[in-house]
Amino acid sequence: MSSKATFEIFHDKAGEWRWRLVASNGNIIADSGEGYQAKQGAKRGIESVKKNAGRADIRVVDNT
């Protein structure tokens, strides 16, 4: 099995395109959260995550 995560692009039950990031152990660690009409939209979403995630701040939210 690969030692890195993999982005998958797929059609959902509504016929829209979505993406998910799958860890090497098979667990889904992120997803698009929305469907796209075109596959290219899902690809742009992946590119946005790749570009911006490394620079994202971490915020702890206490909902207690």
Protein backbone atom coordinates (compact mmCIF):
# COMPACT_ATOMS: atom_id res chain seq x y z
CA MET A 1 0.00 0.00 0.00
CA SER A 2 1.17 3.54 -0.74
CA SER A 3 2.61 5.54 2.16
CA LYS A 4 0.95 8.79 1.13
CA ALA A 5 -2.58 10.11 0.93
CA THR A 6 -4.45 10.12 -2.38
CA PHE A 7 -7.13 12.43 -3.75
CA GLU A 8 -10.08 10.61 -5.35
CA ILE A 9 -12.64 12.22 -7.67
CA PHE A 10 -16.00 10.51 -8.02
CA HIS A 11 -19.68 10.94 -8.89
CA ASP A 12 -22.04 11.11 -5.92
CA LYS A 13 -25.60 9.71 -5.83
CA ALA A 14 -26.96 13.02 -7.18
CA GLY A 15 -24.66 12.78 -10.20
CA GLU A 16 -22.36 15.58 -9.05
CA TRP A 17 -18.58 15.40 -8.89
CA ARG A 18 -16.88 15.30 -5.49
CA TRP A 19 -13.39 14.74 -4.16
CA ARG A 20 -12.04 13.08 -1.05
CA LEU A 21 -8.57 12.71 0.42
CA VAL A 22 -7.87 9.16 1.48
CA ALA A 23 -5.03 8.26 3.88
CA SER A 24 -2.75 5.33 3.16
CA ASN A 25 -4.77 3.25 5.65
CA GLY A 26 -7.98 3.86 3.66
CA ASN A 27 -9.54 6.40 6.02
CA ILE A 28 -11.12 9.49 4.48
CA ILE A 29 -9.35 12.47 6.05
CA ALA A 30 -10.97 15.28 4.04
CA ASP A 31 -13.72 15.75 1.47
CA SER A 32 -15.13 18.42 -0.80
CA GLY A 33 -18.19 19.05 1.35
CA GLU A 34 -20.09 20.05 -1.78
CA GLY A 35 -20.81 18.63 -5.21
CA TYR A 36 -19.63 20.15 -8.48
CA GLN A 37 -21.45 20.10 -11.82
CA ALA A 38 -18.20 19.51 -13.73
CA LYS A 39 -15.22 17.30 -12.96
CA GLN A 40 -13.01 20.35 -13.51
CA GLY A 41 -14.67 22.04 -10.53
CA ALA A 42 -13.67 19.15 -8.28
CA LYS A 43 -10.12 19.31 -9.66
CA ARG A 44 -9.98 23.05 -8.91
CA GLY A 45 -11.14 22.31 -5.36
CA ILE A 46 -8.29 19.84 -4.91
CA GLU A 47 -5.77 22.34 -6.26
CA SER A 48 -7.08 24.98 -3.85
CA VAL A 49 -6.63 22.63 -0.88
CA LYS A 50 -3.12 21.70 -2.02
CA LYS A 51 -2.19 25.36 -2.44
CA ASN A 52 -3.74 26.72 0.76
CA ALA A 53 -3.71 23.94 3.36
CA GLY A 54 -0.02 24.18 4.19
CA ARG A 55 -0.37 27.88 5.00
CA ALA A 56 -3.59 27.54 7.00
CA ASP A 57 -3.64 28.57 10.64
CA ILE A 58 -4.79 26.14 13.32
CA ARG A 59 -7.61 27.34 15.57
CA VAL A 60 -8.87 25.43 18.61
CA VAL A 61 -12.61 25.94 19.12
CA ASP A 62 -14.01 25.05 22.52
CA ASN A 63 -17.72 24.29 22.20
CA THR A 64 -18.27 23.36 25.83
